[in-house]
N, C-alpha and C. Protein backbone atom coordinates (compact mmCIF):
# COMPACT_ATOMS: atom_id res chain seq x y z
N MET A 1 0.83 -1.19 0.00
CA MET A 1 0.00 0.00 0.00
C MET A 1 0.87 1.26 0.00
N ALA A 2 2.15 1.10 0.35
CA ALA A 2 3.02 2.25 0.44
C ALA A 2 3.26 2.89 -0.93
N ASN A 3 3.28 2.11 -1.98
CA ASN A 3 3.51 2.62 -3.31
C ASN A 3 2.22 2.70 -4.11
N CYS A 4 1.18 3.16 -3.49
CA CYS A 4 -0.13 3.23 -4.13
C CYS A 4 -0.10 4.23 -5.29
N GLN A 5 -0.54 3.80 -6.45
CA GLN A 5 -0.48 4.62 -7.65
C GLN A 5 -1.47 5.78 -7.62
N ILE A 6 -2.49 5.69 -6.81
CA ILE A 6 -3.50 6.75 -6.76
C ILE A 6 -2.89 8.07 -6.28
N PHE A 7 -1.97 8.00 -5.33
CA PHE A 7 -1.43 9.20 -4.72
C PHE A 7 -0.18 9.72 -5.41
N GLN A 8 0.39 8.99 -6.35
CA GLN A 8 1.65 9.38 -6.96
C GLN A 8 1.62 10.77 -7.61
N PRO A 9 0.61 11.14 -8.40
CA PRO A 9 0.66 12.47 -9.05
C PRO A 9 0.62 13.62 -8.05
N PHE A 10 0.06 13.40 -6.88
CA PHE A 10 -0.12 14.49 -5.92
C PHE A 10 1.07 14.65 -4.98
N GLU A 11 1.99 13.69 -4.96
CA GLU A 11 3.11 13.78 -4.03
C GLU A 11 4.13 14.84 -4.44
N ASP A 12 4.03 15.35 -5.66
CA ASP A 12 4.95 16.39 -6.11
C ASP A 12 4.70 17.72 -5.42
N PHE A 13 3.51 17.91 -4.91
CA PHE A 13 3.16 19.16 -4.23
C PHE A 13 3.55 19.05 -2.77
N ALA A 14 4.66 19.70 -2.41
CA ALA A 14 5.19 19.57 -1.06
C ALA A 14 4.24 20.14 -0.01
N ILE A 15 3.46 21.16 -0.37
CA ILE A 15 2.58 21.76 0.62
C ILE A 15 1.42 20.84 0.99
N PHE A 16 1.13 19.85 0.14
CA PHE A 16 0.04 18.94 0.44
C PHE A 16 0.53 17.61 1.01
N GLY A 17 1.84 17.50 1.28
CA GLY A 17 2.40 16.25 1.77
C GLY A 17 1.76 15.78 3.06
N TRP A 18 1.56 16.68 4.01
CA TRP A 18 0.97 16.31 5.29
C TRP A 18 -0.47 15.87 5.10
N ALA A 19 -1.19 16.48 4.15
CA ALA A 19 -2.59 16.12 3.93
C ALA A 19 -2.69 14.70 3.36
N TRP A 20 -1.78 14.34 2.45
CA TRP A 20 -1.85 13.00 1.86
C TRP A 20 -1.47 11.94 2.87
N GLU A 21 -0.58 12.25 3.79
CA GLU A 21 -0.26 11.29 4.84
C GLU A 21 -1.48 11.05 5.71
N SER A 22 -2.24 12.11 5.96
CA SER A 22 -3.46 11.97 6.74
C SER A 22 -4.49 11.12 6.00
N VAL A 23 -4.59 11.33 4.68
CA VAL A 23 -5.53 10.54 3.88
C VAL A 23 -5.12 9.07 3.90
N ARG A 24 -3.83 8.80 3.74
CA ARG A 24 -3.35 7.42 3.77
C ARG A 24 -3.63 6.76 5.11
N ALA A 25 -3.41 7.50 6.19
CA ALA A 25 -3.66 6.95 7.53
C ALA A 25 -5.14 6.64 7.71
N THR A 26 -6.00 7.50 7.18
CA THR A 26 -7.44 7.27 7.28
C THR A 26 -7.85 6.03 6.49
N ILE A 27 -7.27 5.87 5.31
CA ILE A 27 -7.59 4.70 4.48
C ILE A 27 -7.12 3.42 5.17
N ARG A 28 -5.92 3.46 5.76
CA ARG A 28 -5.41 2.28 6.46
C ARG A 28 -6.30 1.94 7.65
N ALA A 29 -6.75 2.96 8.38
CA ALA A 29 -7.61 2.72 9.53
C ALA A 29 -8.95 2.13 9.09
N ALA A 30 -9.51 2.65 8.00
CA ALA A 30 -10.77 2.13 7.49
C ALA A 30 -10.61 0.69 7.03
N ARG A 31 -9.50 0.38 6.37
CA ARG A 31 -9.25 -0.99 5.92
C ARG A 31 -9.14 -1.93 7.12
N ASP A 32 -8.45 -1.48 8.17
CA ASP A 32 -8.31 -2.31 9.36
C ASP A 32 -9.66 -2.57 10.02
N LEU A 33 -10.51 -1.56 10.03
CA LEU A 33 -11.86 -1.74 10.60
C LEU A 33 -12.68 -2.72 9.78
N VAL A 34 -12.56 -2.67 8.46
CA VAL A 34 -13.30 -3.62 7.61
C VAL A 34 -12.81 -5.04 7.86
N VAL A 35 -11.51 -5.23 7.95
CA VAL A 35 -10.96 -6.57 8.21
C VAL A 35 -11.42 -7.07 9.58
N LEU A 36 -11.40 -6.20 10.58
CA LEU A 36 -11.86 -6.57 11.91
C LEU A 36 -13.33 -6.98 11.90
N PHE A 37 -14.15 -6.24 11.17
CA PHE A 37 -15.58 -6.54 11.08
C PHE A 37 -15.81 -7.88 10.38
N VAL A 38 -15.05 -8.16 9.33
CA VAL A 38 -15.19 -9.44 8.62
C VAL A 38 -14.80 -10.60 9.53
N HIS A 39 -13.72 -10.42 10.30
CA HIS A 39 -13.33 -11.47 11.25
C HIS A 39 -14.40 -11.67 12.32
N LEU A 40 -15.00 -10.58 12.77
CA LEU A 40 -16.07 -10.68 13.76
C LEU A 40 -17.25 -11.46 13.20
N LEU A 41 -17.64 -11.16 11.97
CA LEU A 41 -18.75 -11.89 11.33
C LEU A 41 -18.42 -13.36 11.17
N ALA A 42 -17.19 -13.67 10.78
CA ALA A 42 -16.80 -15.07 10.62
C ALA A 42 -16.84 -15.82 11.95
N THR A 43 -16.39 -15.15 13.01
CA THR A 43 -16.41 -15.78 14.33
C THR A 43 -17.83 -16.01 14.82
N VAL A 44 -18.70 -15.04 14.61
CA VAL A 44 -20.10 -15.20 15.02
C VAL A 44 -20.76 -16.32 14.21
N ALA A 45 -20.44 -16.41 12.92
CA ALA A 45 -21.00 -17.48 12.10
C ALA A 45 -20.51 -18.84 12.59
N ARG A 46 -19.25 -18.93 12.99
CA ARG A 46 -18.73 -20.20 13.50
C ARG A 46 -19.34 -20.54 14.85
N LEU A 47 -19.59 -19.52 15.67
CA LEU A 47 -20.24 -19.77 16.96
C LEU A 47 -21.66 -20.28 16.79
N ALA A 48 -22.34 -19.83 15.74
CA ALA A 48 -23.72 -20.23 15.51
C ALA A 48 -23.82 -21.67 15.00
N GLY A 49 -22.75 -22.18 14.43
CA GLY A 49 -22.77 -23.54 13.89
C GLY A 49 -22.61 -24.58 14.98
N PRO A 50 -22.72 -25.85 14.59
CA PRO A 50 -22.55 -26.93 15.58
C PRO A 50 -21.10 -27.00 16.06
N GLY A 51 -20.93 -27.11 17.37
CA GLY A 51 -19.59 -27.15 17.95
C GLY A 51 -18.86 -25.83 17.82
N GLY A 52 -19.59 -24.76 17.76
CA GLY A 52 -19.01 -23.45 17.49
C GLY A 52 -18.06 -22.96 18.56
N ALA A 53 -18.48 -23.06 19.82
CA ALA A 53 -17.64 -22.56 20.91
C ALA A 53 -16.33 -23.34 20.98
N CYS A 54 -16.42 -24.65 20.79
CA CYS A 54 -15.20 -25.48 20.83
C CYS A 54 -14.25 -25.10 19.70
N SER A 55 -14.79 -24.85 18.51
CA SER A 55 -13.91 -24.53 17.38
C SER A 55 -13.26 -23.17 17.56
N VAL A 56 -13.97 -22.21 18.13
CA VAL A 56 -13.39 -20.89 18.35
C VAL A 56 -12.28 -20.96 19.41
N VAL A 57 -12.54 -21.71 20.49
CA VAL A 57 -11.52 -21.87 21.53
C VAL A 57 -10.32 -22.63 20.98
N ALA A 58 -10.57 -23.67 20.19
CA ALA A 58 -9.47 -24.45 19.63
C ALA A 58 -8.60 -23.59 18.71
N GLU A 59 -9.22 -22.74 17.91
CA GLU A 59 -8.44 -21.87 17.04
C GLU A 59 -7.61 -20.88 17.85
N SER A 60 -8.20 -20.35 18.90
CA SER A 60 -7.48 -19.40 19.75
C SER A 60 -6.27 -20.06 20.39
N VAL A 61 -6.43 -21.28 20.89
CA VAL A 61 -5.31 -22.00 21.49
C VAL A 61 -4.24 -22.30 20.44
N PHE A 62 -4.67 -22.71 19.26
CA PHE A 62 -3.72 -23.01 18.19
C PHE A 62 -2.91 -21.77 17.80
N VAL A 63 -3.57 -20.63 17.64
CA VAL A 63 -2.88 -19.41 17.23
C VAL A 63 -1.90 -18.96 18.31
N SER A 64 -2.31 -19.00 19.56
CA SER A 64 -1.40 -18.58 20.63
C SER A 64 -0.23 -19.54 20.75
N ASN A 65 -0.48 -20.83 20.57
CA ASN A 65 0.59 -21.82 20.61
C ASN A 65 1.56 -21.60 19.46
N ARG A 66 1.05 -21.32 18.28
CA ARG A 66 1.89 -21.08 17.11
C ARG A 66 2.75 -19.83 17.32
N PHE A 67 2.16 -18.82 17.95
CA PHE A 67 2.89 -17.58 18.22
C PHE A 67 4.05 -17.85 19.18
N GLU A 68 3.81 -18.66 20.21
CA GLU A 68 4.87 -18.99 21.16
C GLU A 68 5.98 -19.77 20.48
N ILE A 69 5.62 -20.71 19.61
CA ILE A 69 6.63 -21.49 18.89
C ILE A 69 7.47 -20.57 18.02
N THR A 70 6.83 -19.61 17.35
CA THR A 70 7.56 -18.67 16.50
C THR A 70 8.53 -17.83 17.32
N LEU A 71 8.11 -17.40 18.49
CA LEU A 71 9.00 -16.61 19.35
C LEU A 71 10.20 -17.42 19.79
N VAL A 72 9.99 -18.68 20.14
CA VAL A 72 11.09 -19.54 20.56
C VAL A 72 12.06 -19.76 19.41
N GLN A 73 11.53 -20.00 18.22
CA GLN A 73 12.40 -20.24 17.06
C GLN A 73 13.23 -19.00 16.73
N LYS A 74 12.63 -17.83 16.82
CA LYS A 74 13.38 -16.60 16.53
C LYS A 74 14.44 -16.37 17.60
N GLY A 75 14.16 -16.73 18.84
CA GLY A 75 15.13 -16.58 19.91
C GLY A 75 16.33 -17.50 19.73
N VAL A 76 16.10 -18.68 19.20
CA VAL A 76 17.18 -19.63 18.99
C VAL A 76 18.09 -19.17 17.87
N ARG A 77 17.54 -18.53 16.86
CA ARG A 77 18.34 -18.08 15.71
C ARG A 77 19.26 -16.92 16.06
N ARG A 78 18.94 -16.14 17.06
CA ARG A 78 19.72 -14.95 17.37
C ARG A 78 21.00 -15.27 18.03
């Protein structure tokens, strides 16, 4: 997203540089909110299905376990 072609023609105007950074930050924040909302909908849909609570808890345990393994592996490489 850093090299977005939409903003390229306007970056030549130094006086508008701060404004375009603000626009980019707003777009990134809006994108993050959309992704968060989609994840929320997916989680609610999984909770509504059979075995929903177990699957959500299992995914949470798996992700946290995977994160810990990644941290240990990075620590060993250093």
